[in-house]
């Protein structure tokens, strides 16, 4: 009986050892599976974070590229406007130089006419004075008004050609239909005020 009991005890021990070993292996397997699950969760979280970072990086790159293209377009427009302004300044300089040359020539002519007038006043004879004086006044009116009169027009008709800064303009006014004040104002309005 003792041997049977021992044998029984040995079998129970084996069974108990088997159960303990199975329980230990199961716990170990559970721990391994739990570690693996946590590692997979971390991997998935890292993949999701990485995907989000890549998306954000792509959006940031796109925004930077768009901003760079806008800046380049703005720079092109600025350069184009600068060229236009430089060309405009150059045209204004040329126009200024032309106006200055014209102004200088007119001043020189005016000084010559004044000199002629002085000479005529000083040394002219009385009967000859009326003709040069009228010529001087006629030249002076032409220089100021730039109007070439048609002296062969009817007495009540005012005709001529005004040579303006841009275009020659014919003048044909019926003196009977307009007052002398109107005619005078109209003719003076043709004279440029900028010197």
Protein backbone atom coordinates (compact mmCIF):
# COMPACT_ATOMS: atom_id res chain seq x y z
CA UNK A 1 0.00 0.00 0.00
CA UNK A 2 2.71 2.36 0.66
CA UNK A 3 4.02 1.80 -2.69
CA UNK A 4 0.64 2.45 -4.13
CA UNK A 5 0.40 5.58 -2.14
CA UNK A 6 3.83 6.59 -3.16
CA UNK A 7 2.98 5.92 -6.68
CA UNK A 8 -0.21 7.87 -6.29
CA UNK A 9 1.67 10.67 -4.63
CA UNK A 10 4.21 10.61 -7.39
CA UNK A 11 1.46 10.79 -10.01
CA UNK A 12 -0.25 13.62 -8.15
CA UNK A 13 3.14 15.40 -7.95
CA UNK A 14 3.68 14.92 -11.64
CA UNK A 15 0.21 16.19 -12.38
CA UNK A 16 0.74 19.10 -10.03
CA UNK A 17 4.11 19.85 -11.61
CA UNK A 18 2.50 19.59 -15.03
CA UNK A 19 -0.26 22.02 -14.02
CA UNK A 20 2.29 24.38 -12.48
CA UNK A 21 4.45 24.22 -15.58
CA UNK A 22 1.46 24.79 -17.83
CA UNK A 23 0.37 27.75 -15.71
CA UNK A 24 3.91 29.20 -15.71
CA UNK A 25 4.21 28.76 -19.48
CA UNK A 26 0.76 30.29 -20.02
CA UNK A 27 1.64 33.27 -17.86
CA UNK A 28 4.91 33.66 -19.67
CA UNK A 29 3.12 33.37 -23.03
CA UNK A 30 0.54 35.92 -21.90
CA UNK A 31 3.31 38.30 -20.82
CA UNK A 32 5.08 37.83 -24.16
CA UNK A 33 1.84 38.38 -26.08
CA UNK A 34 1.08 41.46 -23.94
CA UNK A 35 4.58 42.84 -24.64
CA UNK A 36 4.15 42.14 -28.32
CA UNK A 37 0.72 43.86 -28.32
CA UNK A 38 2.17 46.91 -26.57
CA UNK A 39 5.08 46.99 -29.09
CA UNK A 40 2.61 46.74 -32.01
CA UNK A 41 0.48 49.54 -30.47
CA UNK A 42 3.57 51.70 -30.15
CA UNK A 43 4.53 50.88 -33.73
CA UNK A 44 1.04 51.78 -35.00
CA UNK A 45 1.05 55.02 -32.97
CA UNK A 46 4.52 55.85 -34.32
CA UNK A 47 3.34 55.11 -37.87
CA UNK A 48 0.28 57.33 -37.42
CA UNK A 49 2.41 60.15 -35.95
CA UNK A 50 4.92 59.76 -38.77
CA UNK A 51 2.16 59.83 -41.41
CA UNK A 52 0.69 62.97 -39.82
CA UNK A 53 4.14 64.61 -39.69
CA UNK A 54 4.75 63.73 -43.34
CA UNK A 55 1.34 65.22 -44.29
CA UNK A 56 2.08 68.39 -42.29
CA UNK A 57 5.56 68.61 -43.83
CA UNK A 58 4.11 68.26 -47.34
CA UNK A 59 1.53 70.98 -46.58
CA UNK A 60 4.28 73.25 -45.18
CA UNK A 61 6.47 72.63 -48.24
CA UNK A 62 3.52 73.44 -50.51
CA UNK A 63 2.79 76.67 -48.61
CA UNK A 64 6.47 77.68 -48.77
CA UNK A 65 6.61 76.89 -52.50
CA UNK A 66 3.41 78.90 -53.13
CA UNK A 67 4.78 81.80 -51.07
CA UNK A 68 8.07 81.64 -52.97
CA UNK A 69 6.24 81.71 -56.32
CA UNK A 70 4.17 84.70 -55.16
CA UNK A 71 7.34 86.50 -54.06
CA UNK A 72 8.98 85.76 -57.40
CA UNK A 73 5.94 87.14 -59.26
CA UNK A 74 5.95 90.19 -57.01
CA UNK A 75 9.66 90.65 -57.70
CA UNK A 76 9.04 90.39 -61.47
CA UNK A 77 6.25 92.98 -61.23
CA UNK A 78 8.51 95.24 -59.17
CA UNK A 79 11.34 94.94 -61.70
CA UNK A 80 8.93 95.60 -64.58
CA UNK A 81 7.56 98.69 -62.79
CA UNK A 82 11.11 99.87 -62.07
CA UNK A 83 12.00 99.56 -65.77
CA UNK A 84 8.85 101.49 -66.71
CA UNK A 85 9.68 104.22 -64.20
CA UNK A 86 13.27 104.41 -65.45
CA UNK A 87 12.01 104.73 -69.04
CA UNK A 88 9.52 107.38 -67.94
CA UNK A 89 12.27 109.29 -66.12
CA UNK A 90 14.46 109.09 -69.22
CA UNK A 91 11.63 110.38 -71.43
CA UNK A 92 10.98 113.18 -68.94
CA UNK A 93 14.70 114.04 -68.95
CA UNK A 94 14.73 114.15 -72.73
CA UNK A 95 11.57 116.27 -72.79
CA UNK A 96 13.07 118.53 -70.14
CA UNK A 97 16.25 118.90 -72.15
CA UNK A 98 14.22 119.71 -75.27
CA UNK A 99 12.13 122.25 -73.37
CA UNK A 100 15.27 123.77 -71.86
CA UNK A 101 16.86 124.05 -75.32
CA UNK A 102 13.68 125.63 -76.72
CA UNK A 103 13.48 127.98 -73.75
CA UNK A 104 17.12 128.99 -74.20
CA UNK A 105 16.60 129.57 -77.94
CA UNK A 106 13.49 131.69 -77.28
CA UNK A 107 15.34 133.71 -74.63
CA UNK A 108 18.18 134.27 -77.05
CA UNK A 109 15.73 135.39 -79.75
CA UNK A 110 14.02 137.66 -77.25
CA UNK A 111 17.36 139.20 -76.29
CA UNK A 112 18.21 139.67 -79.99
CA UNK A 113 14.84 141.31 -80.59
CA UNK A 114 15.36 143.58 -77.59
CA UNK A 115 18.78 144.48 -78.91
CA UNK A 116 17.32 145.23 -82.32
CA UNK A 117 14.61 147.30 -80.68
CA UNK A 118 17.18 149.31 -78.72
CA UNK A 119 19.30 149.87 -81.81
CA UNK A 120 16.26 150.91 -83.79
CA UNK A 121 15.12 153.30 -81.08
CA UNK A 122 18.57 154.83 -80.71
CA UNK A 123 19.61 155.30 -84.30
CA UNK A 124 16.47 155.17 -86.42
CA UNK A 125 14.97 158.10 -88.26
CA UNK A 126 11.39 159.17 -87.50
CA UNK A 127 9.88 158.11 -90.80
CA UNK A 128 11.68 154.75 -90.75
CA UNK A 129 10.82 154.11 -87.10
CA UNK A 130 7.14 153.22 -87.75
CA UNK A 131 7.93 150.32 -90.10
CA UNK A 132 10.61 148.58 -87.97
CA UNK A 133 8.53 149.12 -84.84
CA UNK A 134 5.51 147.42 -86.44
CA UNK A 135 7.75 144.58 -87.68
CA UNK A 136 9.17 144.17 -84.18
CA UNK A 137 5.69 144.05 -82.62
CA UNK A 138 4.53 141.57 -85.26
CA UNK A 139 7.55 139.33 -84.61
CA UNK A 140 7.06 139.60 -80.87
CA UNK A 141 3.35 138.68 -81.13
CA UNK A 142 4.27 135.72 -83.32
CA UNK A 143 6.92 134.51 -80.87
CA UNK A 144 4.46 134.74 -77.98
CA UNK A 145 1.25 133.49 -79.63
CA UNK A 146 2.72 131.26 -82.40
CA UNK A 147 -0.13 132.43 -84.66
CA UNK A 148 0.55 132.99 -88.34
CA UNK A 149 -2.15 135.47 -89.47
CA UNK A 150 -3.90 135.41 -92.84
CA UNK A 151 -3.71 139.11 -93.76
CA UNK A 152 -5.71 138.58 -96.95
CA UNK A 153 -8.91 137.54 -95.11
CA UNK A 154 -12.02 139.73 -95.17
CA UNK A 155 -11.95 142.61 -92.68
CA UNK A 156 -14.54 141.04 -90.33
CA UNK A 157 -12.93 137.57 -90.58
CA UNK A 158 -10.12 136.52 -88.23
CA UNK A 159 -8.06 133.81 -89.91
CA UNK A 160 -4.70 132.19 -89.36
CA UNK A 161 -2.91 129.09 -88.09
CA UNK A 162 -1.87 128.53 -84.48
CA UNK A 163 1.27 126.38 -84.14
CA UNK A 164 0.72 124.74 -80.73
CA UNK A 165 3.14 122.46 -78.89
CA UNK A 166 1.63 119.31 -80.39
CA UNK A 167 -0.35 120.26 -83.49
CA UNK A 168 -1.06 123.15 -85.85
CA UNK A 169 -4.65 124.38 -85.48
CA UNK A 170 -6.47 126.55 -88.03
CA UNK A 171 -8.29 129.67 -86.78
CA UNK A 172 -11.38 130.97 -88.59
CA UNK A 173 -13.63 133.27 -86.53
CA UNK A 174 -16.39 135.55 -87.81
CA UNK A 175 -15.84 138.84 -85.95
CA UNK A 176 -19.45 139.89 -86.55
CA UNK A 177 -20.85 136.93 -84.59
CA UNK A 178 -18.57 137.20 -81.55
CA UNK A 179 -17.60 140.04 -79.24
CA UNK A 180 -14.07 141.44 -79.23
CA UNK A 181 -13.70 140.20 -75.65
CA UNK A 182 -14.61 136.63 -76.69
CA UNK A 183 -12.18 136.72 -79.61
CA UNK A 184 -9.41 138.08 -77.39
CA UNK A 185 -10.02 135.46 -74.67
CA UNK A 186 -10.12 132.67 -77.24
CA UNK A 187 -6.85 133.73 -78.87
CA UNK A 188 -5.08 134.13 -75.52
CA UNK A 189 -6.32 130.68 -74.46
CA UNK A 190 -4.24 129.21 -77.30
CA UNK A 191 -1.02 130.68 -75.88
CA UNK A 192 0.78 128.15 -73.64
CA UNK A 193 1.34 129.41 -70.10
CA UNK A 194 4.31 127.12 -69.29
CA UNK A 195 7.71 128.54 -70.21
